Protein backbone atom coordinates (compact mmCIF):
# COMPACT_ATOMS: atom_id res chain seq x y z
CA MET A 1 -12.10 26.08 38.57
CA GLU A 2 -10.34 27.57 35.17
CA ILE A 3 -7.46 25.47 33.77
CA ILE A 4 -5.44 25.74 30.46
CA LEU A 5 -5.52 23.11 28.37
CA ARG A 6 -2.23 21.63 26.98
CA GLU A 7 -3.66 18.96 24.87
CA ASP A 8 -6.91 18.68 22.83
CA VAL A 9 -9.55 16.86 25.10
CA GLU A 10 -12.60 15.91 23.74
CA HIS A 11 -16.11 17.36 24.66
CA LEU A 12 -14.05 19.78 26.45
CA GLY A 13 -11.68 21.86 24.38
CA SER A 14 -8.99 22.30 22.07
CA ARG A 15 -5.21 23.30 23.00
CA GLY A 16 -4.27 26.63 24.44
CA GLU A 17 -8.07 27.01 25.36
CA VAL A 18 -9.06 28.47 29.16
CA VAL A 19 -11.79 26.22 30.23
CA LYS A 20 -13.86 26.05 33.32
CA VAL A 21 -13.88 22.79 34.97
CA ALA A 22 -15.18 20.96 37.85
CA PRO A 23 -12.33 21.28 40.86
CA GLY A 24 -12.49 17.56 40.93
CA TYR A 25 -12.14 16.66 37.26
CA ALA A 26 -9.00 18.75 37.18
CA ARG A 27 -7.50 17.54 40.15
CA ASN A 28 -8.08 13.97 39.74
CA PHE A 29 -7.96 13.79 36.13
CA LEU A 30 -6.68 16.47 34.06
CA LEU A 31 -3.70 17.73 36.12
CA PRO A 32 -2.11 14.37 36.85
CA LYS A 33 -2.56 13.51 33.41
CA ARG A 34 -0.61 16.54 32.39
CA LEU A 35 -3.55 17.74 30.16
CA ALA A 36 -4.14 20.79 31.43
CA VAL A 37 -2.62 23.23 33.91
CA PRO A 38 -3.95 25.78 36.35
CA ALA A 39 -4.92 28.94 34.73
CA THR A 40 -2.18 31.60 36.22
CA ASP A 41 -0.69 34.45 34.37
CA SER A 42 2.45 32.95 34.03
CA ASN A 43 1.16 29.21 32.92
CA LYS A 44 -1.02 31.28 30.24
CA LYS A 45 2.35 32.50 28.82
CA ILE A 46 4.27 28.85 29.03
CA VAL A 47 1.18 27.28 27.20
CA GLU A 48 1.07 29.72 24.54
CA GLN A 49 4.85 29.61 23.83
CA GLU A 50 3.90 25.74 23.71
CA ARG A 51 1.09 26.28 21.41
CA GLN A 52 3.18 28.45 19.11
CA ALA A 53 5.84 25.72 19.07
CA HIS A 54 3.02 23.38 18.27
CA LEU A 55 1.46 25.17 15.38
CA ARG A 56 5.08 25.27 13.77
CA ARG A 57 5.72 21.57 14.24
CA GLU A 58 2.07 20.99 13.03
CA ALA A 59 2.64 22.90 9.77
CA LYS A 60 6.17 21.05 9.05
CA ALA A 61 4.38 18.03 9.10
CA ILE A 62 1.87 19.03 6.86
CA GLY A 63 4.37 20.17 4.24
CA GLU A 64 6.47 17.11 4.59
CA ALA A 65 3.00 15.03 4.56
CA GLN A 66 2.07 16.97 1.10
CA ASP A 67 5.53 16.28 -0.48
CA LEU A 68 5.02 12.36 0.33
CA SER A 69 1.32 12.79 -0.81
CA LYS A 70 2.79 14.25 -4.59
CA MET A 71 5.54 11.17 -4.68
CA LEU A 72 2.86 8.48 -3.87
CA GLY A 73 0.02 9.99 -6.38
CA ASN A 74 1.33 7.76 -9.11
CA VAL A 75 2.68 4.63 -7.26
CA ALA A 76 1.18 1.54 -7.90
CA VAL A 77 2.09 -1.65 -5.78
CA THR A 78 1.73 -5.26 -7.21
CA ILE A 79 0.99 -7.95 -5.03
CA ALA A 80 0.72 -11.41 -6.23
CA ARG A 81 -1.74 -13.90 -4.26
CA ARG A 82 -2.94 -17.54 -4.66
CA ALA A 83 -6.37 -17.50 -6.37
CA GLY A 84 -9.16 -19.78 -6.85
CA GLU A 85 -11.16 -20.51 -10.30
CA ASN A 86 -13.35 -17.36 -9.58
CA ASP A 87 -10.83 -14.63 -8.68
CA GLN A 88 -11.08 -15.16 -5.32
CA LEU A 89 -8.06 -15.00 -3.59
CA PHE A 90 -7.36 -17.67 -0.84
CA GLY A 91 -6.73 -15.34 2.10
CA SER A 92 -6.88 -11.62 1.89
CA VAL A 93 -4.47 -8.52 1.36
CA THR A 94 -4.56 -6.64 4.52
CA ALA A 95 -3.00 -2.64 5.19
CA ALA A 96 0.34 -4.74 6.18
CA ASP A 97 0.75 -6.54 3.12
CA ILE A 98 0.39 -3.00 1.10
CA SER A 99 2.79 -1.56 3.85
CA ASP A 100 5.21 -3.84 3.10
CA ALA A 101 5.09 -3.79 -0.83
CA LEU A 102 5.26 0.10 -0.19
CA SER A 103 8.74 -0.46 1.43
CA ALA A 104 9.76 -2.55 -1.32
CA GLN A 105 9.76 0.84 -3.15
CA ASN A 106 11.33 2.48 -0.95
CA TYR A 107 8.29 4.54 0.86
CA ASN A 108 8.11 3.95 4.19
CA ILE A 109 4.19 3.83 5.53
CA GLU A 110 2.86 2.68 8.25
CA ARG A 111 0.41 0.03 8.23
CA ARG A 112 -1.79 2.44 10.60
CA LYS A 113 -1.73 4.83 7.73
CA VAL A 114 -3.30 2.41 5.11
CA HIS A 115 -6.97 2.62 5.28
CA LEU A 116 -9.08 -0.11 3.83
CA ASP A 117 -12.03 -0.55 4.95
CA GLU A 118 -12.34 -4.42 4.57
CA PRO A 119 -9.22 -6.39 3.24
CA ILE A 120 -9.03 -7.06 -0.46
CA ARG A 121 -10.42 -10.74 -1.30
CA THR A 122 -10.68 -10.19 -5.33
CA LEU A 123 -8.22 -9.99 -7.70
CA GLY A 124 -7.69 -6.70 -10.11
CA GLU A 125 -7.11 -3.05 -9.74
CA HIS A 126 -8.12 -1.27 -6.48
CA LYS A 127 -7.82 2.50 -5.32
CA VAL A 128 -6.72 2.31 -1.41
CA THR A 129 -6.49 5.41 0.58
CA VAL A 130 -3.58 6.60 2.52
CA ARG A 131 -3.82 9.11 5.28
CA LEU A 132 -0.73 10.57 5.83
CA HIS A 133 -1.59 13.51 8.16
CA ARG A 134 -4.66 14.03 9.50
CA GLU A 135 -5.24 16.82 7.01
CA VAL A 136 -3.51 14.82 3.83
CA ASN A 137 -5.09 11.85 2.00
CA THR A 138 -3.66 10.23 -1.18
CA GLU A 139 -4.68 7.24 -3.04
CA ILE A 140 -2.39 4.66 -4.53
CA THR A 141 -3.55 1.97 -6.84
CA VAL A 142 -3.16 -1.65 -5.77
CA ASN A 143 -3.10 -4.22 -8.26
CA VAL A 144 -3.65 -7.69 -6.77
CA THR A 145 -2.53 -10.30 -9.24
CA LYS A 146 -2.58 -14.42 -9.69
CA GLU A 147 0.36 -15.99 -8.29
CA GLU A 148 1.61 -18.86 -10.71
């Protein structure tokens, strides 16, 4: 059965592609979840219009993310935490803490966009990646200081 994908489907194809799938897969999974539509001429026209609108929205989102990336390029965040004698923190600094510190500086970044391999557990200066968009990343400086 030929269908047109309305969304990117992993291991199958991307938005707007015409693909052949088993009729049961289309009928029981793709069509009810509105991930695809049957491949008719009228549906091809509709999906093409949706794809063009999606590309325009995506380009706008990338532009906004790049502008925000330029603004965040020289931002430094300072977070004070209690620490022991060997500069080891009691606890850690997480993505949520960094997001809250950015919000205090009027940058509304969701904690899911702050990428930490693991929480920060030492004092000092750390580089943290912020994923503003799938294609736009930026680095900010996080200074972890000892709380008095």
